[in-house]
Amino acid sequence: MAKNFPHSFIVCDCKQVSLGEIVHAIKEKGAKTLEEIENLTDAGSSCGSCRCKEDDVGVEKMELYLVDILKKFENEK
């Protein structure tokens, strides 16, 4: 994740879930998997395009995926 994104950046367009909400789910609520993030925030629970590049069904690919966010926090440990 080379680019810095503001916490207001919408990661999940379908459910309008921001990066800040996802970071909160990881750091404060202990989410460690895509399923836990989905359960806590609803991100990825609709079309699934925000989960990872392989699941992205959009014509224009997303800038940031849930798996990338999880990897960043795994690497910070």
C-alpha atoms as a PDB file:
ATOM      1  CA  MET A   1       0.000   0.000   0.000  1.00  0.00           C
ATOM      2  CA  ALA A   2       2.302   2.720  -1.279  1.00  0.00           C
ATOM      3  CA  LYS A   3      -0.315   5.459  -1.446  1.00  0.00           C
ATOM      4  CA  ASN A   4      -1.597   7.077   1.742  1.00  0.00           C
ATOM      5  CA  PHE A   5      -5.371   7.138   2.038  1.00  0.00           C
ATOM      6  CA  PRO A   6      -7.372   9.348   4.425  1.00  0.00           C
ATOM      7  CA  HIS A   7      -9.541   7.597   7.003  1.00  0.00           C
ATOM      8  CA  SER A   8     -12.571   9.014   5.168  1.00  0.00           C
ATOM      9  CA  PHE A   9     -11.648   7.074   1.984  1.00  0.00           C
ATOM     10  CA  ILE A  10     -14.532   4.735   1.062  1.00  0.00           C
ATOM     11  CA  VAL A  11     -13.156   1.204   0.663  1.00  0.00           C
ATOM     12  CA  CYS A  12     -16.522  -0.542   0.225  1.00  0.00           C
ATOM     13  CA  ASP A  13     -18.734   1.404  -2.175  1.00  0.00           C
ATOM     14  CA  CYS A  14     -21.769  -0.873  -1.753  1.00  0.00           C
ATOM     15  CA  LYS A  15     -21.995  -0.430   2.014  1.00  0.00           C
ATOM     16  CA  GLN A  16     -20.179   2.951   2.178  1.00  0.00           C
ATOM     17  CA  VAL A  17     -17.579   1.675   4.650  1.00  0.00           C
ATOM     18  CA  SER A  18     -14.594   3.946   5.176  1.00  0.00           C
ATOM     19  CA  LEU A  19     -10.969   3.073   5.773  1.00  0.00           C
ATOM     20  CA  GLY A  20     -11.326   4.544   9.264  1.00  0.00           C
ATOM     21  CA  GLU A  21     -14.115   2.088  10.123  1.00  0.00           C
ATOM     22  CA  ILE A  22     -12.011  -0.813   8.870  1.00  0.00           C
ATOM     23  CA  VAL A  23      -8.930   0.339  10.785  1.00  0.00           C
ATOM     24  CA  HIS A  24     -11.078   0.633  13.924  1.00  0.00           C
ATOM     25  CA  ALA A  25     -12.366  -2.918  13.416  1.00  0.00           C
ATOM     26  CA  ILE A  26      -8.784  -4.188  13.141  1.00  0.00           C
ATOM     27  CA  LYS A  27      -7.081  -2.124  15.843  1.00  0.00           C
ATOM     28  CA  GLU A  28      -9.855  -1.735  18.411  1.00  0.00           C
ATOM     29  CA  LYS A  29     -12.117  -4.728  17.793  1.00  0.00           C
ATOM     30  CA  GLY A  30      -9.380  -7.258  16.927  1.00  0.00           C
ATOM     31  CA  ALA A  31     -10.490  -8.230  13.407  1.00  0.00           C
ATOM     32  CA  LYS A  32      -7.862 -10.479  11.824  1.00  0.00           C
ATOM     33  CA  THR A  33      -9.717 -11.934   8.823  1.00  0.00           C
ATOM     34  CA  LEU A  34     -11.899 -10.703   5.969  1.00  0.00           C
ATOM     35  CA  GLU A  35     -14.864 -12.431   7.587  1.00  0.00           C
ATOM     36  CA  GLU A  36     -14.316 -10.616  10.885  1.00  0.00           C
ATOM     37  CA  ILE A  37     -14.079  -7.264   9.080  1.00  0.00           C
ATOM     38  CA  GLU A  38     -17.285  -8.101   7.214  1.00  0.00           C
ATOM     39  CA  ASN A  39     -19.078  -9.029  10.436  1.00  0.00           C
ATOM     40  CA  LEU A  40     -17.969  -5.850  12.212  1.00  0.00           C
ATOM     41  CA  THR A  41     -18.352  -3.321   9.370  1.00  0.00           C
ATOM     42  CA  ASP A  42     -20.426  -4.912   6.559  1.00  0.00           C
ATOM     43  CA  ALA A  43     -17.531  -4.208   4.151  1.00  0.00           C
ATOM     44  CA  GLY A  44     -17.333  -6.895   1.484  1.00  0.00           C
ATOM     45  CA  SER A  45     -20.762  -8.289   2.283  1.00  0.00           C
ATOM     46  CA  SER A  46     -22.497  -7.178  -0.906  1.00  0.00           C
ATOM     47  CA  CYS A  47     -20.715  -7.609  -4.246  1.00  0.00           C
ATOM     48  CA  GLY A  48     -17.336  -8.514  -2.686  1.00  0.00           C
ATOM     49  CA  SER A  49     -15.271  -6.401  -5.079  1.00  0.00           C
ATOM     50  CA  CYS A  50     -13.525  -4.639  -2.207  1.00  0.00           C
ATOM     51  CA  ARG A  51     -12.228  -7.904  -0.717  1.00  0.00           C
ATOM     52  CA  CYS A  52      -9.363  -8.513  -3.160  1.00  0.00           C
ATOM     53  CA  LYS A  53      -8.333  -7.825  -6.754  1.00  0.00           C
ATOM     54  CA  GLU A  54      -9.412 -11.318  -7.853  1.00  0.00           C
ATOM     55  CA  ASP A  55     -12.965 -10.707  -6.556  1.00  0.00           C
ATOM     56  CA  ASP A  56     -13.226  -7.236  -8.125  1.00  0.00           C
ATOM     57  CA  VAL A  57     -16.015  -7.429 -10.705  1.00  0.00           C
ATOM     58  CA  GLY A  58     -15.850  -3.750 -11.677  1.00  0.00           C
ATOM     59  CA  VAL A  59     -14.602  -2.453 -15.003  1.00  0.00           C
ATOM     60  CA  GLU A  60     -12.370   0.024 -13.173  1.00  0.00           C
ATOM     61  CA  LYS A  61     -10.332  -1.730 -10.490  1.00  0.00           C
ATOM     62  CA  MET A  62     -10.420  -0.375  -6.967  1.00  0.00           C
ATOM     63  CA  GLU A  63      -7.492   1.496  -5.440  1.00  0.00           C
ATOM     64  CA  LEU A  64      -7.522  -0.308  -2.087  1.00  0.00           C
ATOM     65  CA  TYR A  65      -8.674  -3.771  -1.064  1.00  0.00           C
ATOM     66  CA  LEU A  66      -9.511  -5.241   2.334  1.00  0.00           C
ATOM     67  CA  VAL A  67      -6.748  -7.847   2.015  1.00  0.00           C
ATOM     68  CA  ASP A  68      -4.203  -5.053   1.493  1.00  0.00           C
ATOM     69  CA  ILE A  69      -5.354  -3.316   4.664  1.00  0.00           C
ATOM     70  CA  LEU A  70      -5.133  -6.556   6.641  1.00  0.00           C
ATOM     71  CA  LYS A  71      -1.628  -7.234   5.304  1.00  0.00           C
ATOM     72  CA  LYS A  72      -0.467  -3.774   6.354  1.00  0.00           C
ATOM     73  CA  PHE A  73      -1.532  -4.394   9.948  1.00  0.00           C
ATOM     74  CA  GLU A  74      -0.062  -7.905   9.974  1.00  0.00           C
ATOM     75  CA  ASN A  75       3.288  -6.420   8.912  1.00  0.00           C
ATOM     76  CA  GLU A  76       3.183  -3.811  11.710  1.00  0.00           C
ATOM     77  CA  LYS A  77       3.251  -6.462  14.438  1.00  0.00           C
END
